[in-house]
Amino acid sequence: MATIKTETAEEQLENGSSIKEACEALGVPFGCRSGFCTACKVEILEGAENLSPKEAQEASHNLPDNERLACQVKIKEGTVKIKL
């Protein structure tokens, strides 16, 4: 099992799964859900190595290394701490 957490809450999810639903449960706002609008941008505070690499759609936004689009990311394993 993997974990996505904030300062105040956390959600468990299966290794290798999308973090979209867990992040939504933690309060991340979503718009298009396909990586175009960037509404679901989160800051990765810890555990970035536990996330999938940026794919073309996410990389096209030129986000800093510590920012990801929750609709585009999968968690490999372990724990990732985010800031909304």
PDB file of N, CA and C in Angstrom:
ATOM      1  N   MET A   1       0.840  -1.195   0.000  1.00  0.00           N
ATOM      2  CA  MET A   1       0.000   0.000   0.000  1.00  0.00           C
ATOM      3  C   MET A   1       0.878   1.248   0.000  1.00  0.00           C
ATOM      4  N   ALA A   2       0.380   2.278  -0.648  1.00  0.00           N
ATOM      5  CA  ALA A   2       1.051   3.567  -0.712  1.00  0.00           C
ATOM      6  C   ALA A   2       0.197   4.593   0.025  1.00  0.00           C
ATOM      7  N   THR A   3       0.799   5.743   0.319  1.00  0.00           N
ATOM      8  CA  THR A   3       0.099   6.778   1.076  1.00  0.00           C
ATOM      9  C   THR A   3       0.367   8.150   0.477  1.00  0.00           C
ATOM     10  N   ILE A   4      -0.693   8.926   0.314  1.00  0.00           N
ATOM     11  CA  ILE A   4      -0.596  10.349  -0.027  1.00  0.00           C
ATOM     12  C   ILE A   4      -1.057  11.086   1.217  1.00  0.00           C
ATOM     13  N   LYS A   5      -0.257  12.054   1.672  1.00  0.00           N
ATOM     14  CA  LYS A   5      -0.674  12.765   2.875  1.00  0.00           C
ATOM     15  C   LYS A   5      -0.413  14.260   2.756  1.00  0.00           C
ATOM     16  N   THR A   6      -1.184  14.992   3.558  1.00  0.00           N
ATOM     17  CA  THR A   6      -1.014  16.431   3.725  1.00  0.00           C
ATOM     18  C   THR A   6      -0.601  16.655   5.175  1.00  0.00           C
ATOM     19  N   GLU A   7      -0.573  17.895   5.602  1.00  0.00           N
ATOM     20  CA  GLU A   7      -0.251  18.199   6.995  1.00  0.00           C
ATOM     21  C   GLU A   7      -1.288  17.629   7.959  1.00  0.00           C
ATOM     22  N   THR A   8      -2.530  17.463   7.494  1.00  0.00           N
ATOM     23  CA  THR A   8      -3.616  17.105   8.408  1.00  0.00           C
ATOM     24  C   THR A   8      -4.342  15.795   8.122  1.00  0.00           C
ATOM     25  N   ALA A   9      -4.092  15.176   6.960  1.00  0.00           N
ATOM     26  CA  ALA A   9      -4.835  13.971   6.593  1.00  0.00           C
ATOM     27  C   ALA A   9      -4.004  13.101   5.662  1.00  0.00           C
ATOM     28  N   GLU A  10      -4.464  11.874   5.480  1.00  0.00           N
ATOM     29  CA  GLU A  10      -3.786  10.981   4.543  1.00  0.00           C
ATOM     30  C   GLU A  10      -4.775  10.010   3.932  1.00  0.00           C
ATOM     31  N   GLU A  11      -4.419   9.497   2.755  1.00  0.00           N
ATOM     32  CA  GLU A  11      -5.227   8.525   2.032  1.00  0.00           C
ATOM     33  C   GLU A  11      -4.330   7.372   1.603  1.00  0.00           C
ATOM     34  N   GLN A  12      -4.831   6.161   1.756  1.00  0.00           N
ATOM     35  CA  GLN A  12      -4.122   4.957   1.325  1.00  0.00           C
ATOM     36  C   GLN A  12      -4.573   4.597  -0.086  1.00  0.00           C
ATOM     37  N   LEU A  13      -3.647   4.072  -0.886  1.00  0.00           N
ATOM     38  CA  LEU A  13      -3.983   3.620  -2.222  1.00  0.00           C
ATOM     39  C   LEU A  13      -3.040   2.496  -2.625  1.00  0.00           C
ATOM     40  N   GLU A  14      -3.417   1.770  -3.648  1.00  0.00           N
ATOM     41  CA  GLU A  14      -2.623   0.644  -4.122  1.00  0.00           C
ATOM     42  C   GLU A  14      -1.347   1.133  -4.794  1.00  0.00           C
ATOM     43  N   ASN A  15      -0.254   0.399  -4.612  1.00  0.00           N
ATOM     44  CA  ASN A  15       0.974   0.696  -5.329  1.00  0.00           C
ATOM     45  C   ASN A  15       0.698   0.695  -6.830  1.00  0.00           C
ATOM     46  N   GLY A  16       1.283   1.651  -7.547  1.00  0.00           N
ATOM     47  CA  GLY A  16       1.128   1.721  -8.989  1.00  0.00           C
ATOM     48  C   GLY A  16      -0.139   2.387  -9.473  1.00  0.00           C
ATOM     49  N   SER A  17      -0.947   2.921  -8.576  1.00  0.00           N
ATOM     50  CA  SER A  17      -2.220   3.515  -8.979  1.00  0.00           C
ATOM     51  C   SER A  17      -2.117   5.032  -9.147  1.00  0.00           C
ATOM     52  N   SER A  18      -3.097   5.587  -9.824  1.00  0.00           N
ATOM     53  CA  SER A  18      -3.212   7.030  -9.986  1.00  0.00           C
ATOM     54  C   SER A  18      -3.471   7.666  -8.625  1.00  0.00           C
ATOM     55  N   ILE A  19      -2.941   8.857  -8.411  1.00  0.00           N
ATOM     56  CA  ILE A  19      -3.178   9.546  -7.141  1.00  0.00           C
ATOM     57  C   ILE A  19      -4.400  10.464  -7.201  1.00  0.00           C
ATOM     58  N   LYS A  20      -5.067  10.509  -8.335  1.00  0.00           N
ATOM     59  CA  LYS A  20      -6.176  11.442  -8.562  1.00  0.00           C
ATOM     60  C   LYS A  20      -7.273  11.351  -7.490  1.00  0.00           C
ATOM     61  N   GLU A  21      -7.799  10.170  -7.258  1.00  0.00           N
ATOM     62  CA  GLU A  21      -8.904  10.022  -6.305  1.00  0.00           C
ATOM     63  C   GLU A  21      -8.464  10.333  -4.877  1.00  0.00           C
ATOM     64  N   ALA A  22      -7.265   9.883  -4.515  1.00  0.00           N
ATOM     65  CA  ALA A  22      -6.761  10.152  -3.162  1.00  0.00           C
ATOM     66  C   ALA A  22      -6.575  11.651  -2.959  1.00  0.00           C
ATOM     67  N   CYS A  23      -6.038  12.330  -3.951  1.00  0.00           N
ATOM     68  CA  CYS A  23      -5.838  13.774  -3.837  1.00  0.00           C
ATOM     69  C   CYS A  23      -7.167  14.518  -3.779  1.00  0.00           C
ATOM     70  N   GLU A  24      -8.133  14.063  -4.538  1.00  0.00           N
ATOM     71  CA  GLU A  24      -9.456  14.696  -4.489  1.00  0.00           C
ATOM     72  C   GLU A  24     -10.051  14.554  -3.089  1.00  0.00           C
ATOM     73  N   ALA A  25      -9.893  13.378  -2.480  1.00  0.00           N
ATOM     74  CA  ALA A  25     -10.396  13.159  -1.119  1.00  0.00           C
ATOM     75  C   ALA A  25      -9.679  14.048  -0.109  1.00  0.00           C
ATOM     76  N   LEU A  26      -8.433  14.419  -0.406  1.00  0.00           N
ATOM     77  CA  LEU A  26      -7.664  15.295   0.487  1.00  0.00           C
ATOM     78  C   LEU A  26      -7.946  16.782   0.245  1.00  0.00           C
ATOM     79  N   GLY A  27      -8.738  17.099  -0.784  1.00  0.00           N
ATOM     80  CA  GLY A  27      -9.128  18.485  -1.011  1.00  0.00           C
ATOM     81  C   GLY A  27      -8.479  19.180  -2.189  1.00  0.00           C
ATOM     82  N   VAL A  28      -7.740  18.441  -3.020  1.00  0.00           N
ATOM     83  CA  VAL A  28      -7.140  19.049  -4.208  1.00  0.00           C
ATOM     84  C   VAL A  28      -8.258  19.384  -5.197  1.00  0.00           C
ATOM     85  N   PRO A  29      -8.293  20.612  -5.712  1.00  0.00           N
ATOM     86  CA  PRO A  29      -9.322  20.967  -6.694  1.00  0.00           C
ATOM     87  C   PRO A  29      -8.979  20.390  -8.068  1.00  0.00           C
ATOM     88  N   PHE A  30      -9.970  19.966  -8.803  1.00  0.00           N
ATOM     89  CA  PHE A  30      -9.767  19.425 -10.148  1.00  0.00           C
ATOM     90  C   PHE A  30     -10.618  20.192 -11.137  1.00  0.00           C
ATOM     91  N   GLY A  31     -10.117  20.296 -12.357  1.00  0.00           N
ATOM     92  CA  GLY A  31     -10.840  20.931 -13.449  1.00  0.00           C
ATOM     93  C   GLY A  31     -11.050  19.914 -14.556  1.00  0.00           C
ATOM     94  N   CYS A  32     -10.187  19.957 -15.544  1.00  0.00           N
ATOM     95  CA  CYS A  32     -10.355  19.122 -16.739  1.00  0.00           C
ATOM     96  C   CYS A  32     -10.031  17.648 -16.522  1.00  0.00           C
ATOM     97  N   ARG A  33      -9.185  17.323 -15.561  1.00  0.00           N
ATOM     98  CA  ARG A  33      -8.768  15.956 -15.245  1.00  0.00           C
ATOM     99  C   ARG A  33      -7.939  15.298 -16.346  1.00  0.00           C
ATOM    100  N   SER A  34      -7.413  16.076 -17.272  1.00  0.00           N
ATOM    101  CA  SER A  34      -6.579  15.504 -18.330  1.00  0.00           C
ATOM    102  C   SER A  34      -5.274  16.254 -18.546  1.00  0.00           C
ATOM    103  N   GLY A  35      -4.880  17.055 -17.581  1.00  0.00           N
ATOM    104  CA  GLY A  35      -3.573  17.694 -17.633  1.00  0.00           C
ATOM    105  C   GLY A  35      -3.476  18.983 -18.409  1.00  0.00           C
ATOM    106  N   PHE A  36      -4.593  19.566 -18.798  1.00  0.00           N
ATOM    107  CA  PHE A  36      -4.558  20.803 -19.573  1.00  0.00           C
ATOM    108  C   PHE A  36      -4.705  22.059 -18.712  1.00  0.00           C
ATOM    109  N   CYS A  37      -5.543  22.015 -17.702  1.00  0.00           N
ATOM    110  CA  CYS A  37      -5.889  23.246 -16.973  1.00  0.00           C
ATOM    111  C   CYS A  37      -4.968  23.560 -15.796  1.00  0.00           C
ATOM    112  N   THR A  38      -4.256  22.606 -15.263  1.00  0.00           N
ATOM    113  CA  THR A  38      -3.348  22.726 -14.107  1.00  0.00           C
ATOM    114  C   THR A  38      -4.053  23.057 -12.787  1.00  0.00           C
ATOM    115  N   ALA A  39      -5.364  22.900 -12.723  1.00  0.00           N
ATOM    116  CA  ALA A  39      -6.084  23.181 -11.470  1.00  0.00           C
ATOM    117  C   ALA A  39      -5.638  22.262 -10.344  1.00  0.00           C
ATOM    118  N   CYS A  40      -5.190  21.059 -10.671  1.00  0.00           N
ATOM    119  CA  CYS A  40      -4.839  20.062  -9.655  1.00  0.00           C
ATOM    120  C   CYS A  40      -3.343  20.068  -9.313  1.00  0.00           C
ATOM    121  N   LYS A  41      -2.681  21.171  -9.568  1.00  0.00           N
ATOM    122  CA  LYS A  41      -1.246  21.266  -9.277  1.00  0.00           C
ATOM    123  C   LYS A  41      -1.010  21.184  -7.776  1.00  0.00           C
ATOM    124  N   VAL A  42      -0.082  20.312  -7.369  1.00  0.00           N
ATOM    125  CA  VAL A  42       0.287  20.162  -5.967  1.00  0.00           C
ATOM    126  C   VAL A  42       1.800  20.290  -5.838  1.00  0.00           C
ATOM    127  N   GLU A  43       2.222  20.729  -4.675  1.00  0.00           N
ATOM    128  CA  GLU A  43       3.643  20.798  -4.368  1.00  0.00           C
ATOM    129  C   GLU A  43       4.026  19.511  -3.639  1.00  0.00           C
ATOM    130  N   ILE A  44       5.093  18.873  -4.093  1.00  0.00           N
ATOM    131  CA  ILE A  44       5.574  17.647  -3.459  1.00  0.00           C
ATOM    132  C   ILE A  44       6.583  18.043  -2.389  1.00  0.00           C
ATOM    133  N   LEU A  45       6.253  17.767  -1.138  1.00  0.00           N
ATOM    134  CA  LEU A  45       7.123  18.118  -0.023  1.00  0.00           C
ATOM    135  C   LEU A  45       8.088  16.996   0.324  1.00  0.00           C
ATOM    136  N   GLU A  46       7.640  15.762   0.182  1.00  0.00           N
ATOM    137  CA  GLU A  46       8.468  14.587   0.489  1.00  0.00           C
ATOM    138  C   GLU A  46       8.033  13.432  -0.394  1.00  0.00           C
ATOM    139  N   GLY A  47       8.986  12.580  -0.759  1.00  0.00           N
ATOM    140  CA  GLY A  47       8.655  11.343  -1.468  1.00  0.00           C
ATOM    141  C   GLY A  47       8.523  11.455  -2.968  1.00  0.00           C
ATOM    142  N   ALA A  48       9.086  12.474  -3.584  1.00  0.00           N
ATOM    143  CA  ALA A  48       8.975  12.639  -5.041  1.00  0.00           C
ATOM    144  C   ALA A  48       9.499  11.414  -5.788  1.00  0.00           C
ATOM    145  N   GLU A  49      10.484  10.740  -5.216  1.00  0.00           N
ATOM    146  CA  GLU A  49      11.053   9.549  -5.851  1.00  0.00           C
ATOM    147  C   GLU A  49      10.053   8.397  -5.929  1.00  0.00           C
ATOM    148  N   ASN A  50       8.957   8.493  -5.194  1.00  0.00           N
ATOM    149  CA  ASN A  50       7.926   7.454  -5.204  1.00  0.00           C
ATOM    150  C   ASN A  50       6.871   7.678  -6.282  1.00  0.00           C
ATOM    151  N   LEU A  51       7.018   8.737  -7.077  1.00  0.00           N
ATOM    152  CA  LEU A  51       6.044   9.067  -8.114  1.00  0.00           C
ATOM    153  C   LEU A  51       6.564   8.713  -9.505  1.00  0.00           C
ATOM    154  N   SER A  52       5.640   8.489 -10.415  1.00  0.00           N
ATOM    155  CA  SER A  52       5.999   8.216 -11.806  1.00  0.00           C
ATOM    156  C   SER A  52       6.658   9.451 -12.420  1.00  0.00           C
ATOM    157  N   PRO A  53       7.481   9.260 -13.443  1.00  0.00           N
ATOM    158  CA  PRO A  53       8.092  10.412 -14.121  1.00  0.00           C
ATOM    159  C   PRO A  53       7.023  11.248 -14.827  1.00  0.00           C
ATOM    160  N   LYS A  54       7.347  12.503 -15.095  1.00  0.00           N
ATOM    161  CA  LYS A  54       6.416  13.372 -15.828  1.00  0.00           C
ATOM    162  C   LYS A  54       6.306  12.880 -17.267  1.00  0.00           C
ATOM    163  N   GLU A  55       5.078  12.707 -17.727  1.00  0.00           N
ATOM    164  CA  GLU A  55       4.818  12.335 -19.113  1.00  0.00           C
ATOM    165  C   GLU A  55       4.671  13.616 -19.932  1.00  0.00           C
ATOM    166  N   ALA A  56       4.515  13.499 -21.224  1.00  0.00           N
ATOM    167  CA  ALA A  56       4.531  14.643 -22.141  1.00  0.00           C
ATOM    168  C   ALA A  56       3.536  15.742 -21.766  1.00  0.00           C
ATOM    169  N   GLN A  57       2.287  15.381 -21.449  1.00  0.00           N
ATOM    170  CA  GLN A  57       1.273  16.403 -21.141  1.00  0.00           C
ATOM    171  C   GLN A  57       1.660  17.208 -19.914  1.00  0.00           C
ATOM    172  N   GLU A  58       2.085  16.540 -18.884  1.00  0.00           N
ATOM    173  CA  GLU A  58       2.475  17.229 -17.649  1.00  0.00           C
ATOM    174  C   GLU A  58       3.753  18.038 -17.873  1.00  0.00           C
ATOM    175  N   ALA A  59       4.707  17.473 -18.570  1.00  0.00           N
ATOM    176  CA  ALA A  59       5.982  18.152 -18.826  1.00  0.00           C
ATOM    177  C   ALA A  59       5.798  19.405 -19.680  1.00  0.00           C
ATOM    178  N   SER A  60       4.754  19.444 -20.493  1.00  0.00           N
ATOM    179  CA  SER A  60       4.526  20.595 -21.373  1.00  0.00           C
ATOM    180  C   SER A  60       4.236  21.883 -20.604  1.00  0.00           C
ATOM    181  N   HIS A  61       3.904  21.775 -19.328  1.00  0.00           N
ATOM    182  CA  HIS A  61       3.606  22.955 -18.511  1.00  0.00           C
ATOM    183  C   HIS A  61       4.853  23.548 -17.862  1.00  0.00           C
ATOM    184  N   ASN A  62       6.004  22.893 -18.014  1.00  0.00           N
ATOM    185  CA  ASN A  62       7.273  23.384 -17.458  1.00  0.00           C
ATOM    186  C   ASN A  62       7.181  23.714 -15.971  1.00  0.00           C
ATOM    187  N   LEU A  63       6.557  22.822 -15.228  1.00  0.00           N
ATOM    188  CA  LEU A  63       6.447  23.004 -13.778  1.00  0.00           C
ATOM    189  C   LEU A  63       7.800  22.739 -13.128  1.00  0.00           C
ATOM    190  N   PRO A  64       8.075  23.379 -11.996  1.00  0.00           N
ATOM    191  CA  PRO A  64       9.297  23.053 -11.252  1.00  0.00           C
ATOM    192  C   PRO A  64       9.279  21.573 -10.851  1.00  0.00           C
ATOM    193  N   ASP A  65      10.433  21.024 -10.559  1.00  0.00           N
ATOM    194  CA  ASP A  65      10.531  19.606 -10.209  1.00  0.00           C
ATOM    195  C   ASP A  65       9.656  19.216  -9.029  1.00  0.00           C
ATOM    196  N   ASN A  66       9.403  20.147  -8.103  1.00  0.00           N
ATOM    197  CA  ASN A  66       8.623  19.821  -6.910  1.00  0.00           C
ATOM    198  C   ASN A  66       7.119  20.064  -7.086  1.00  0.00           C
ATOM    199  N   GLU A  67       6.665  20.346  -8.298  1.00  0.00           N
ATOM    200  CA  GLU A  67       5.234  20.516  -8.563  1.00  0.00           C
ATOM    201  C   GLU A  67       4.775  19.485  -9.585  1.00  0.00           C
ATOM    202  N   ARG A  68       3.608  18.903  -9.308  1.00  0.00           N
ATOM    203  CA  ARG A  68       3.044  17.882 -10.194  1.00  0.00           C
ATOM    204  C   ARG A  68       1.552  18.134 -10.374  1.00  0.00           C
ATOM    205  N   LEU A  69       1.006  17.580 -11.450  1.00  0.00           N
ATOM    206  CA  LEU A  69      -0.432  17.607 -11.685  1.00  0.00           C
ATOM    207  C   LEU A  69      -1.016  16.304 -11.171  1.00  0.00           C
ATOM    208  N   ALA A  70      -1.853  16.378 -10.160  1.00  0.00           N
ATOM    209  CA  ALA A  70      -2.383  15.184  -9.512  1.00  0.00           C
ATOM    210  C   ALA A  70      -3.159  14.286 -10.476  1.00  0.00           C
ATOM    211  N   CYS A  71      -3.722  14.848 -11.524  1.00  0.00           N
ATOM    212  CA  CYS A  71      -4.485  14.039 -12.478  1.00  0.00           C
ATOM    213  C   CYS A  71      -3.586  13.205 -13.383  1.00  0.00           C
ATOM    214  N   GLN A  72      -2.292  13.467 -13.395  1.00  0.00           N
ATOM    215  CA  GLN A  72      -1.380  12.793 -14.317  1.00  0.00           C
ATOM    216  C   GLN A  72      -0.419  11.816 -13.651  1.00  0.00           C
ATOM    217  N   VAL A  73      -0.372  11.785 -12.342  1.00  0.00           N
ATOM    218  CA  VAL A  73       0.676  11.073 -11.614  1.00  0.00           C
ATOM    219  C   VAL A  73       0.195   9.728 -11.077  1.00  0.00           C
ATOM    220  N   LYS A  74       1.126   8.762 -11.068  1.00  0.00           N
ATOM    221  CA  LYS A  74       0.908   7.484 -10.387  1.00  0.00           C
ATOM    222  C   LYS A  74       1.944   7.373  -9.279  1.00  0.00           C
ATOM    223  N   ILE A  75       1.557   6.700  -8.220  1.00  0.00           N
ATOM    224  CA  ILE A  75       2.480   6.473  -7.114  1.00  0.00           C
ATOM    225  C   ILE A  75       3.034   5.055  -7.252  1.00  0.00           C
ATOM    226  N   LYS A  76       4.338   4.942  -7.207  1.00  0.00           N
ATOM    227  CA  LYS A  76       4.964   3.624  -7.329  1.00  0.00           C
ATOM    228  C   LYS A  76       4.781   2.830  -6.038  1.00  0.00           C
ATOM    229  N   GLU A  77       5.118   3.460  -4.923  1.00  0.00           N
ATOM    230  CA  GLU A  77       5.029   2.841  -3.601  1.00  0.00           C
ATOM    231  C   GLU A  77       5.383   3.891  -2.566  1.00  0.00           C
ATOM    232  N   GLY A  78       5.303   3.526  -1.305  1.00  0.00           N
ATOM    233  CA  GLY A  78       5.755   4.407  -0.240  1.00  0.00           C
ATOM    234  C   GLY A  78       4.798   5.539   0.076  1.00  0.00           C
ATOM    235  N   THR A  79       5.370   6.604   0.644  1.00  0.00           N
ATOM    236  CA  THR A  79       4.587   7.755   1.101  1.00  0.00           C
ATOM    237  C   THR A  79       5.029   9.007   0.364  1.00  0.00           C
ATOM    238  N   VAL A  80       4.054   9.816   0.001  1.00  0.00           N
ATOM    239  CA  VAL A  80       4.291  11.109  -0.627  1.00  0.00           C
ATOM    240  C   VAL A  80       3.525  12.150   0.158  1.00  0.00           C
ATOM    241  N   LYS A  81       4.219  13.195   0.570  1.00  0.00           N
ATOM    242  CA  LYS A  81       3.576  14.302   1.286  1.00  0.00           C
ATOM    243  C   LYS A  81       3.418  15.456   0.321  1.00  0.00           C
ATOM    244  N   ILE A  82       2.185  15.997   0.248  1.00  0.00           N
ATOM    245  CA  ILE A  82       1.887  17.093  -0.669  1.00  0.00           C
ATOM    246  C   ILE A  82       1.389  18.319   0.078  1.00  0.00           C
ATOM    247  N   LYS A  83       1.483  19.452  -0.595  1.00  0.00           N
ATOM    248  CA  LYS A  83       0.892  20.699  -0.109  1.00  0.00           C
ATOM    249  C   LYS A  83      -0.109  21.130  -1.162  1.00  0.00           C
ATOM    250  N   LEU A  84      -1.336  21.405  -0.727  1.00  0.00           N
ATOM    251  CA  LEU A  84      -2.400  21.809  -1.642  1.00  0.00           C
ATOM    252  C   LEU A  84      -2.193  23.219  -2.143  1.00  0.00           C
TER     253      LEU A  84
END
